[in-house]
């Protein structure tokens, strides 16, 4: 019988909950780069957990610029439509 030399675990979300650490890093980046209050970005990060990170950044930045949730969603949809026409790496025509 052959023995394994390496075993990899996916511990995040089962043995380790790193969501708080991710939220802190996300918030710190937005504070340092865009002067968005940490509590605002942290709250929005946790609300949008599970979405792609780039969408989360766009969401928080647009909210911080004064757009409401409906306008943020609309701008995100517009951005996706624009990317589709540019032969995005995941959507090459």
PDB file of N, CA and C in Angstrom:
ATOM      1  N   UNK A   1       0.836  -1.172   0.000  1.00  0.00           N
ATOM      2  CA  UNK A   1       0.000   0.000   0.000  1.00  0.00           C
ATOM      3  C   UNK A   1       0.888   1.246   0.000  1.00  0.00           C
ATOM      4  N   UNK A   2       0.546   2.187  -0.864  1.00  0.00           N
ATOM      5  CA  UNK A   2       1.305   3.441  -0.978  1.00  0.00           C
ATOM      6  C   UNK A   2       0.833   4.435   0.079  1.00  0.00           C
ATOM      7  N   UNK A   3       1.773   5.091   0.754  1.00  0.00           N
ATOM      8  CA  UNK A   3       1.409   6.090   1.760  1.00  0.00           C
ATOM      9  C   UNK A   3       1.432   7.480   1.139  1.00  0.00           C
ATOM     10  N   UNK A   4       0.590   8.313   1.669  1.00  0.00           N
ATOM     11  CA  UNK A   4       0.530   9.691   1.203  1.00  0.00           C
ATOM     12  C   UNK A   4       1.644  10.500   1.848  1.00  0.00           C
ATOM     13  N   UNK A   5       2.265  11.356   1.058  1.00  0.00           N
ATOM     14  CA  UNK A   5       3.300  12.227   1.590  1.00  0.00           C
ATOM     15  C   UNK A   5       2.761  13.591   1.989  1.00  0.00           C
ATOM     16  N   UNK A   6       1.552  13.902   1.541  1.00  0.00           N
ATOM     17  CA  UNK A   6       0.992  15.222   1.789  1.00  0.00           C
ATOM     18  C   UNK A   6      -0.525  15.113   1.849  1.00  0.00           C
ATOM     19  N   UNK A   7      -1.102  15.803   2.784  1.00  0.00           N
ATOM     20  CA  UNK A   7      -2.552  15.841   2.918  1.00  0.00           C
ATOM     21  C   UNK A   7      -2.957  17.300   3.094  1.00  0.00           C
ATOM     22  N   UNK A   8      -3.882  17.765   2.285  1.00  0.00           N
ATOM     23  CA  UNK A   8      -4.304  19.163   2.322  1.00  0.00           C
ATOM     24  C   UNK A   8      -5.737  19.233   2.847  1.00  0.00           C
ATOM     25  N   UNK A   9      -5.951  20.125   3.796  1.00  0.00           N
ATOM     26  CA  UNK A   9      -7.273  20.356   4.365  1.00  0.00           C
ATOM     27  C   UNK A   9      -7.789  21.712   3.912  1.00  0.00           C
ATOM     28  N   UNK A  10      -9.089  21.808   3.721  1.00  0.00           N
ATOM     29  CA  UNK A  10      -9.734  23.104   3.550  1.00  0.00           C
ATOM     30  C   UNK A  10     -10.389  23.410   4.893  1.00  0.00           C
ATOM     31  N   UNK A  11      -9.666  24.110   5.739  1.00  0.00           N
ATOM     32  CA  UNK A  11     -10.132  24.349   7.101  1.00  0.00           C
ATOM     33  C   UNK A  11     -10.976  25.607   7.224  1.00  0.00           C
ATOM     34  N   UNK A  12     -10.884  26.505   6.261  1.00  0.00           N
ATOM     35  CA  UNK A  12     -11.591  27.773   6.373  1.00  0.00           C
ATOM     36  C   UNK A  12     -13.096  27.535   6.310  1.00  0.00           C
ATOM     37  N   UNK A  13     -13.775  27.990   7.327  1.00  0.00           N
ATOM     38  CA  UNK A  13     -15.221  27.829   7.394  1.00  0.00           C
ATOM     39  C   UNK A  13     -15.643  26.575   8.132  1.00  0.00           C
ATOM     40  N   UNK A  14     -14.695  25.676   8.382  1.00  0.00           N
ATOM     41  CA  UNK A  14     -15.021  24.478   9.155  1.00  0.00           C
ATOM     42  C   UNK A  14     -14.290  24.513  10.494  1.00  0.00           C
ATOM     43  N   UNK A  15     -12.975  24.486  10.450  1.00  0.00           N
ATOM     44  CA  UNK A  15     -12.190  24.538  11.681  1.00  0.00           C
ATOM     45  C   UNK A  15     -11.770  25.953  12.042  1.00  0.00           C
ATOM     46  N   UNK A  16     -11.640  26.798  11.033  1.00  0.00           N
ATOM     47  CA  UNK A  16     -11.191  28.173  11.234  1.00  0.00           C
ATOM     48  C   UNK A  16     -12.198  29.109  10.572  1.00  0.00           C
ATOM     49  N   UNK A  17     -12.603  30.132  11.289  1.00  0.00           N
ATOM     50  CA  UNK A  17     -13.491  31.143  10.705  1.00  0.00           C
ATOM     51  C   UNK A  17     -12.663  32.405  10.461  1.00  0.00           C
ATOM     52  N   UNK A  18     -12.245  32.602   9.226  1.00  0.00           N
ATOM     53  CA  UNK A  18     -11.375  33.734   8.900  1.00  0.00           C
ATOM     54  C   UNK A  18     -12.141  34.944   8.373  1.00  0.00           C
ATOM     55  N   UNK A  19     -13.465  34.906   8.419  1.00  0.00           N
ATOM     56  CA  UNK A  19     -14.268  36.004   7.879  1.00  0.00           C
ATOM     57  C   UNK A  19     -13.918  37.336   8.544  1.00  0.00           C
ATOM     58  N   UNK A  20     -13.725  37.322   9.853  1.00  0.00           N
ATOM     59  CA  UNK A  20     -13.400  38.551  10.568  1.00  0.00           C
ATOM     60  C   UNK A  20     -12.060  39.123  10.091  1.00  0.00           C
ATOM     61  N   UNK A  21     -11.077  38.263   9.893  1.00  0.00           N
ATOM     62  CA  UNK A  21      -9.765  38.707   9.403  1.00  0.00           C
ATOM     63  C   UNK A  21      -9.883  39.281   7.992  1.00  0.00           C
ATOM     64  N   UNK A  22     -10.638  38.617   7.132  1.00  0.00           N
ATOM     65  CA  UNK A  22     -10.854  39.130   5.770  1.00  0.00           C
ATOM     66  C   UNK A  22     -11.525  40.501   5.814  1.00  0.00           C
ATOM     67  N   UNK A  23     -12.519  40.639   6.680  1.00  0.00           N
ATOM     68  CA  UNK A  23     -13.234  41.918   6.803  1.00  0.00           C
ATOM     69  C   UNK A  23     -12.298  43.025   7.278  1.00  0.00           C
ATOM     70  N   UNK A  24     -11.421  42.700   8.209  1.00  0.00           N
ATOM     71  CA  UNK A  24     -10.472  43.701   8.706  1.00  0.00           C
ATOM     72  C   UNK A  24      -9.515  44.160   7.612  1.00  0.00           C
ATOM     73  N   UNK A  25      -8.982  43.207   6.849  1.00  0.00           N
ATOM     74  CA  UNK A  25      -8.039  43.552   5.774  1.00  0.00           C
ATOM     75  C   UNK A  25      -8.743  44.368   4.694  1.00  0.00           C
ATOM     76  N   UNK A  26      -9.918  43.931   4.287  1.00  0.00           N
ATOM     77  CA  UNK A  26     -10.722  44.629   3.290  1.00  0.00           C
ATOM     78  C   UNK A  26     -10.961  46.076   3.727  1.00  0.00           C
ATOM     79  N   UNK A  27     -11.377  46.244   4.969  1.00  0.00           N
ATOM     80  CA  UNK A  27     -11.672  47.571   5.509  1.00  0.00           C
ATOM     81  C   UNK A  27     -10.433  48.449   5.590  1.00  0.00           C
ATOM     82  N   UNK A  28      -9.326  47.873   5.979  1.00  0.00           N
ATOM     83  CA  UNK A  28      -8.082  48.625   6.095  1.00  0.00           C
ATOM     84  C   UNK A  28      -7.629  49.142   4.726  1.00  0.00           C
ATOM     85  N   UNK A  29      -7.752  48.297   3.719  1.00  0.00           N
ATOM     86  CA  UNK A  29      -7.376  48.704   2.352  1.00  0.00           C
ATOM     87  C   UNK A  29      -8.229  49.886   1.905  1.00  0.00           C
ATOM     88  N   UNK A  30      -9.540  49.793   2.102  1.00  0.00           N
ATOM     89  CA  UNK A  30     -10.429  50.873   1.676  1.00  0.00           C
ATOM     90  C   UNK A  30     -10.215  52.147   2.487  1.00  0.00           C
ATOM     91  N   UNK A  31      -9.855  52.005   3.733  1.00  0.00           N
ATOM     92  CA  UNK A  31      -9.574  53.190   4.546  1.00  0.00           C
ATOM     93  C   UNK A  31      -8.295  53.874   4.062  1.00  0.00           C
ATOM     94  N   UNK A  32      -7.233  53.077   3.861  1.00  0.00           N
ATOM     95  CA  UNK A  32      -5.951  53.651   3.445  1.00  0.00           C
ATOM     96  C   UNK A  32      -6.002  54.233   2.039  1.00  0.00           C
ATOM     97  N   UNK A  33      -6.725  53.593   1.158  1.00  0.00           N
ATOM     98  CA  UNK A  33      -6.738  54.018  -0.248  1.00  0.00           C
ATOM     99  C   UNK A  33      -7.799  55.080  -0.548  1.00  0.00           C
ATOM    100  N   UNK A  34      -8.987  54.958   0.078  1.00  0.00           N
ATOM    101  CA  UNK A  34     -10.107  55.836  -0.270  1.00  0.00           C
ATOM    102  C   UNK A  34     -10.674  56.605   0.924  1.00  0.00           C
ATOM    103  N   UNK A  35     -10.066  56.455   2.086  1.00  0.00           N
ATOM    104  CA  UNK A  35     -10.512  57.137   3.298  1.00  0.00           C
ATOM    105  C   UNK A  35     -11.959  56.796   3.655  1.00  0.00           C
ATOM    106  N   UNK A  36     -12.360  55.551   3.375  1.00  0.00           N
ATOM    107  CA  UNK A  36     -13.699  55.079   3.722  1.00  0.00           C
ATOM    108  C   UNK A  36     -13.632  54.540   5.153  1.00  0.00           C
ATOM    109  N   UNK A  37     -14.510  54.999   6.033  1.00  0.00           N
ATOM    110  CA  UNK A  37     -14.469  54.544   7.425  1.00  0.00           C
ATOM    111  C   UNK A  37     -14.494  53.012   7.539  1.00  0.00           C
ATOM    112  N   UNK A  38     -13.669  52.509   8.424  1.00  0.00           N
ATOM    113  CA  UNK A  38     -13.510  51.065   8.590  1.00  0.00           C
ATOM    114  C   UNK A  38     -14.843  50.387   8.897  1.00  0.00           C
ATOM    115  N   UNK A  39     -15.636  50.941   9.784  1.00  0.00           N
ATOM    116  CA  UNK A  39     -16.908  50.301  10.154  1.00  0.00           C
ATOM    117  C   UNK A  39     -17.869  50.218   8.971  1.00  0.00           C
ATOM    118  N   UNK A  40     -17.872  51.229   8.124  1.00  0.00           N
ATOM    119  CA  UNK A  40     -18.746  51.226   6.942  1.00  0.00           C
ATOM    120  C   UNK A  40     -18.339  50.095   5.999  1.00  0.00           C
ATOM    121  N   UNK A  41     -17.067  50.044   5.652  1.00  0.00           N
ATOM    122  CA  UNK A  41     -16.627  49.024   4.699  1.00  0.00           C
ATOM    123  C   UNK A  41     -16.718  47.621   5.283  1.00  0.00           C
ATOM    124  N   UNK A  42     -16.461  47.500   6.585  1.00  0.00           N
ATOM    125  CA  UNK A  42     -16.551  46.180   7.224  1.00  0.00           C
ATOM    126  C   UNK A  42     -17.994  45.678   7.200  1.00  0.00           C
ATOM    127  N   UNK A  43     -18.934  46.547   7.531  1.00  0.00           N
ATOM    128  CA  UNK A  43     -20.352  46.177   7.518  1.00  0.00           C
ATOM    129  C   UNK A  43     -20.795  45.754   6.120  1.00  0.00           C
ATOM    130  N   UNK A  44     -20.412  46.532   5.115  1.00  0.00           N
ATOM    131  CA  UNK A  44     -20.802  46.213   3.742  1.00  0.00           C
ATOM    132  C   UNK A  44     -20.110  44.941   3.241  1.00  0.00           C
ATOM    133  N   UNK A  45     -18.870  44.726   3.648  1.00  0.00           N
ATOM    134  CA  UNK A  45     -18.165  43.491   3.284  1.00  0.00           C
ATOM    135  C   UNK A  45     -18.932  42.276   3.810  1.00  0.00           C
ATOM    136  N   UNK A  46     -19.328  42.334   5.065  1.00  0.00           N
ATOM    137  CA  UNK A  46     -20.048  41.206   5.656  1.00  0.00           C
ATOM    138  C   UNK A  46     -21.425  41.019   5.020  1.00  0.00           C
ATOM    139  N   UNK A  47     -22.080  42.122   4.627  1.00  0.00           N
ATOM    140  CA  UNK A  47     -23.385  42.032   3.950  1.00  0.00           C
ATOM    141  C   UNK A  47     -23.266  41.360   2.585  1.00  0.00           C
ATOM    142  N   UNK A  48     -22.136  41.579   1.911  1.00  0.00           N
ATOM    143  CA  UNK A  48     -21.971  41.080   0.543  1.00  0.00           C
ATOM    144  C   UNK A  48     -21.073  39.847   0.480  1.00  0.00           C
ATOM    145  N   UNK A  49     -20.856  39.205   1.624  1.00  0.00           N
ATOM    146  CA  UNK A  49     -20.009  38.009   1.667  1.00  0.00           C
ATOM    147  C   UNK A  49     -20.506  36.963   0.664  1.00  0.00           C
ATOM    148  N   UNK A  50     -19.571  36.369  -0.036  1.00  0.00           N
ATOM    149  CA  UNK A  50     -19.913  35.364  -1.038  1.00  0.00           C
ATOM    150  C   UNK A  50     -19.851  35.898  -2.459  1.00  0.00           C
ATOM    151  N   UNK A  51     -19.922  37.212  -2.613  1.00  0.00           N
ATOM    152  CA  UNK A  51     -19.791  37.816  -3.940  1.00  0.00           C
ATOM    153  C   UNK A  51     -18.318  37.914  -4.301  1.00  0.00           C
ATOM    154  N   UNK A  52     -18.002  38.007  -5.574  1.00  0.00           N
ATOM    155  CA  UNK A  52     -16.594  38.190  -5.963  1.00  0.00           C
ATOM    156  C   UNK A  52     -16.014  39.451  -5.315  1.00  0.00           C
ATOM    157  N   UNK A  53     -14.748  39.377  -4.934  1.00  0.00           N
ATOM    158  CA  UNK A  53     -14.107  40.466  -4.196  1.00  0.00           C
ATOM    159  C   UNK A  53     -14.140  41.783  -4.966  1.00  0.00           C
ATOM    160  N   UNK A  54     -13.939  41.734  -6.284  1.00  0.00           N
ATOM    161  CA  UNK A  54     -13.964  42.981  -7.055  1.00  0.00           C
ATOM    162  C   UNK A  54     -15.339  43.637  -6.986  1.00  0.00           C
ATOM    163  N   UNK A  55     -16.394  42.842  -6.966  1.00  0.00           N
ATOM    164  CA  UNK A  55     -17.741  43.411  -6.838  1.00  0.00           C
ATOM    165  C   UNK A  55     -17.943  44.026  -5.454  1.00  0.00           C
ATOM    166  N   UNK A  56     -17.372  43.400  -4.436  1.00  0.00           N
ATOM    167  CA  UNK A  56     -17.484  43.957  -3.094  1.00  0.00           C
ATOM    168  C   UNK A  56     -16.774  45.311  -3.002  1.00  0.00           C
ATOM    169  N   UNK A  57     -15.581  45.400  -3.593  1.00  0.00           N
ATOM    170  CA  UNK A  57     -14.869  46.683  -3.593  1.00  0.00           C
ATOM    171  C   UNK A  57     -15.691  47.752  -4.312  1.00  0.00           C
ATOM    172  N   UNK A  58     -16.192  47.428  -5.501  1.00  0.00           N
ATOM    173  CA  UNK A  58     -16.996  48.399  -6.262  1.00  0.00           C
ATOM    174  C   UNK A  58     -18.213  48.835  -5.458  1.00  0.00           C
ATOM    175  N   UNK A  59     -18.873  47.879  -4.836  1.00  0.00           N
ATOM    176  CA  UNK A  59     -20.078  48.155  -4.049  1.00  0.00           C
ATOM    177  C   UNK A  59     -19.790  49.179  -2.947  1.00  0.00           C
ATOM    178  N   UNK A  60     -18.755  48.937  -2.167  1.00  0.00           N
ATOM    179  CA  UNK A  60     -18.441  49.817  -1.040  1.00  0.00           C
ATOM    180  C   UNK A  60     -17.977  51.189  -1.527  1.00  0.00           C
ATOM    181  N   UNK A  61     -17.168  51.224  -2.559  1.00  0.00           N
ATOM    182  CA  UNK A  61     -16.670  52.509  -3.073  1.00  0.00           C
ATOM    183  C   UNK A  61     -17.821  53.353  -3.605  1.00  0.00           C
ATOM    184  N   UNK A  62     -18.737  52.743  -4.354  1.00  0.00           N
ATOM    185  CA  UNK A  62     -19.879  53.501  -4.875  1.00  0.00           C
ATOM    186  C   UNK A  62     -20.782  53.999  -3.751  1.00  0.00           C
ATOM    187  N   UNK A  63     -21.021  53.156  -2.748  1.00  0.00           N
ATOM    188  CA  UNK A  63     -21.823  53.617  -1.609  1.00  0.00           C
ATOM    189  C   UNK A  63     -21.146  54.789  -0.906  1.00  0.00           C
ATOM    190  N   UNK A  64     -19.842  54.702  -0.756  1.00  0.00           N
ATOM    191  CA  UNK A  64     -19.103  55.780  -0.090  1.00  0.00           C
ATOM    192  C   UNK A  64     -19.136  57.075  -0.893  1.00  0.00           C
ATOM    193  N   UNK A  65     -19.302  56.958  -2.206  1.00  0.00           N
ATOM    194  CA  UNK A  65     -19.390  58.147  -3.051  1.00  0.00           C
ATOM    195  C   UNK A  65     -20.793  58.738  -3.070  1.00  0.00           C
ATOM    196  N   UNK A  66     -21.711  58.113  -2.343  1.00  0.00           N
ATOM    197  CA  UNK A  66     -23.047  58.680  -2.215  1.00  0.00           C
ATOM    198  C   UNK A  66     -24.127  58.027  -3.049  1.00  0.00           C
ATOM    199  N   UNK A  67     -23.806  56.955  -3.751  1.00  0.00           N
ATOM    200  CA  UNK A  67     -24.835  56.255  -4.510  1.00  0.00           C
ATOM    201  C   UNK A  67     -25.628  55.366  -3.557  1.00  0.00           C
ATOM    202  N   UNK A  68     -26.937  55.243  -3.804  1.00  0.00           N
ATOM    203  CA  UNK A  68     -27.722  54.345  -2.970  1.00  0.00           C
ATOM    204  C   UNK A  68     -27.610  52.913  -3.498  1.00  0.00           C
ATOM    205  N   UNK A  69     -28.157  51.954  -2.771  1.00  0.00           N
ATOM    206  CA  UNK A  69     -28.012  50.534  -3.132  1.00  0.00           C
ATOM    207  C   UNK A  69     -28.544  50.232  -4.531  1.00  0.00           C
ATOM    208  N   UNK A  70     -29.678  50.836  -4.905  1.00  0.00           N
ATOM    209  CA  UNK A  70     -30.233  50.608  -6.235  1.00  0.00           C
ATOM    210  C   UNK A  70     -29.271  51.098  -7.308  1.00  0.00           C
ATOM    211  N   UNK A  71     -28.724  52.298  -7.121  1.00  0.00           N
ATOM    212  CA  UNK A  71     -27.784  52.858  -8.100  1.00  0.00           C
ATOM    213  C   UNK A  71     -26.507  52.025  -8.186  1.00  0.00           C
ATOM    214  N   UNK A  72     -26.047  51.512  -7.038  1.00  0.00           N
ATOM    215  CA  UNK A  72     -24.854  50.665  -7.032  1.00  0.00           C
ATOM    216  C   UNK A  72     -25.108  49.415  -7.858  1.00  0.00           C
ATOM    217  N   UNK A  73     -26.252  48.765  -7.641  1.00  0.00           N
ATOM    218  CA  UNK A  73     -26.589  47.559  -8.402  1.00  0.00           C
ATOM    219  C   UNK A  73     -26.693  47.859  -9.889  1.00  0.00           C
ATOM    220  N   UNK A  74     -27.308  48.979 -10.242  1.00  0.00           N
ATOM    221  CA  UNK A  74     -27.455  49.352 -11.647  1.00  0.00           C
ATOM    222  C   UNK A  74     -26.092  49.597 -12.291  1.00  0.00           C
ATOM    223  N   UNK A  75     -25.213  50.310 -11.613  1.00  0.00           N
ATOM    224  CA  UNK A  75     -23.870  50.565 -12.153  1.00  0.00           C
ATOM    225  C   UNK A  75     -23.090  49.268 -12.317  1.00  0.00           C
ATOM    226  N   UNK A  76     -23.275  48.324 -11.390  1.00  0.00           N
ATOM    227  CA  UNK A  76     -22.599  47.035 -11.494  1.00  0.00           C
ATOM    228  C   UNK A  76     -23.090  46.278 -12.729  1.00  0.00           C
ATOM    229  N   UNK A  77     -24.402  46.301 -12.974  1.00  0.00           N
ATOM    230  CA  UNK A  77     -24.956  45.649 -14.171  1.00  0.00           C
ATOM    231  C   UNK A  77     -24.415  46.306 -15.442  1.00  0.00           C
ATOM    232  N   UNK A  78     -24.342  47.632 -15.458  1.00  0.00           N
ATOM    233  CA  UNK A  78     -23.804  48.351 -16.612  1.00  0.00           C
ATOM    234  C   UNK A  78     -22.345  47.968 -16.852  1.00  0.00           C
ATOM    235  N   UNK A  79     -21.578  47.858 -15.780  1.00  0.00           N
ATOM    236  CA  UNK A  79     -20.167  47.478 -15.893  1.00  0.00           C
ATOM    237  C   UNK A  79     -20.002  46.086 -16.473  1.00  0.00           C
ATOM    238  N   UNK A  80     -20.870  45.162 -16.067  1.00  0.00           N
ATOM    239  CA  UNK A  80     -20.797  43.801 -16.611  1.00  0.00           C
ATOM    240  C   UNK A  80     -21.124  43.795 -18.099  1.00  0.00           C
ATOM    241  N   UNK A  81     -22.118  44.599 -18.495  1.00  0.00           N
ATOM    242  CA  UNK A  81     -22.478  44.667 -19.919  1.00  0.00           C
ATOM    243  C   UNK A  81     -21.316  45.222 -20.735  1.00  0.00           C
ATOM    244  N   UNK A  82     -20.633  46.230 -20.206  1.00  0.00           N
ATOM    245  CA  UNK A  82     -19.477  46.810 -20.917  1.00  0.00           C
ATOM    246  C   UNK A  82     -18.362  45.790 -21.048  1.00  0.00           C
ATOM    247  N   UNK A  83     -18.085  45.025 -20.001  1.00  0.00           N
ATOM    248  CA  UNK A  83     -17.020  44.036 -20.038  1.00  0.00           C
ATOM    249  C   UNK A  83     -17.322  42.934 -21.043  1.00  0.00           C
ATOM    250  N   UNK A  84     -18.594  42.577 -21.203  1.00  0.00           N
ATOM    251  CA  UNK A  84     -18.968  41.523 -22.133  1.00  0.00           C
ATOM    252  C   UNK A  84     -18.569  41.893 -23.558  1.00  0.00           C
ATOM    253  N   UNK A  85     -18.636  43.150 -23.889  1.00  0.00           N
ATOM    254  CA  UNK A  85     -18.288  43.597 -25.227  1.00  0.00           C
ATOM    255  C   UNK A  85     -16.792  43.717 -25.461  1.00  0.00           C
ATOM    256  N   UNK A  86     -15.989  43.599 -24.423  1.00  0.00           N
ATOM    257  CA  UNK A  86     -14.539  43.767 -24.541  1.00  0.00           C
ATOM    258  C   UNK A  86     -13.780  42.458 -24.625  1.00  0.00           C
ATOM    259  N   UNK A  87     -14.474  41.329 -24.773  1.00  0.00           N
ATOM    260  CA  UNK A  87     -13.786  40.039 -24.840  1.00  0.00           C
ATOM    261  C   UNK A  87     -13.072  39.731 -23.541  1.00  0.00           C
ATOM    262  N   UNK A  88     -13.768  39.964 -22.434  1.00  0.00           N
ATOM    263  CA  UNK A  88     -13.204  39.671 -21.120  1.00  0.00           C
ATOM    264  C   UNK A  88     -12.655  38.248 -21.113  1.00  0.00           C
ATOM    265  N   UNK A  89     -11.611  38.009 -20.346  1.00  0.00           N
ATOM    266  CA  UNK A  89     -10.936  36.709 -20.355  1.00  0.00           C
ATOM    267  C   UNK A  89     -11.879  35.554 -20.083  1.00  0.00           C
ATOM    268  N   UNK A  90     -12.931  35.799 -19.316  1.00  0.00           N
ATOM    269  CA  UNK A  90     -13.885  34.728 -19.024  1.00  0.00           C
ATOM    270  C   UNK A  90     -15.053  34.701 -20.008  1.00  0.00           C
ATOM    271  N   UNK A  91     -15.078  35.645 -20.928  1.00  0.00           N
ATOM    272  CA  UNK A  91     -16.201  35.735 -21.860  1.00  0.00           C
ATOM    273  C   UNK A  91     -15.697  36.126 -23.233  1.00  0.00           C
ATOM    274  N   UNK A  92     -14.748  35.378 -23.775  1.00  0.00           N
ATOM    275  CA  UNK A  92     -14.173  35.702 -25.083  1.00  0.00           C
ATOM    276  C   UNK A  92     -15.145  35.311 -26.178  1.00  0.00           C
ATOM    277  N   UNK A  93     -15.391  36.240 -27.086  1.00  0.00           N
ATOM    278  CA  UNK A  93     -16.339  35.988 -28.183  1.00  0.00           C
ATOM    279  C   UNK A  93     -15.640  35.505 -29.418  1.00  0.00           C
TER     280      UNK A  93
END
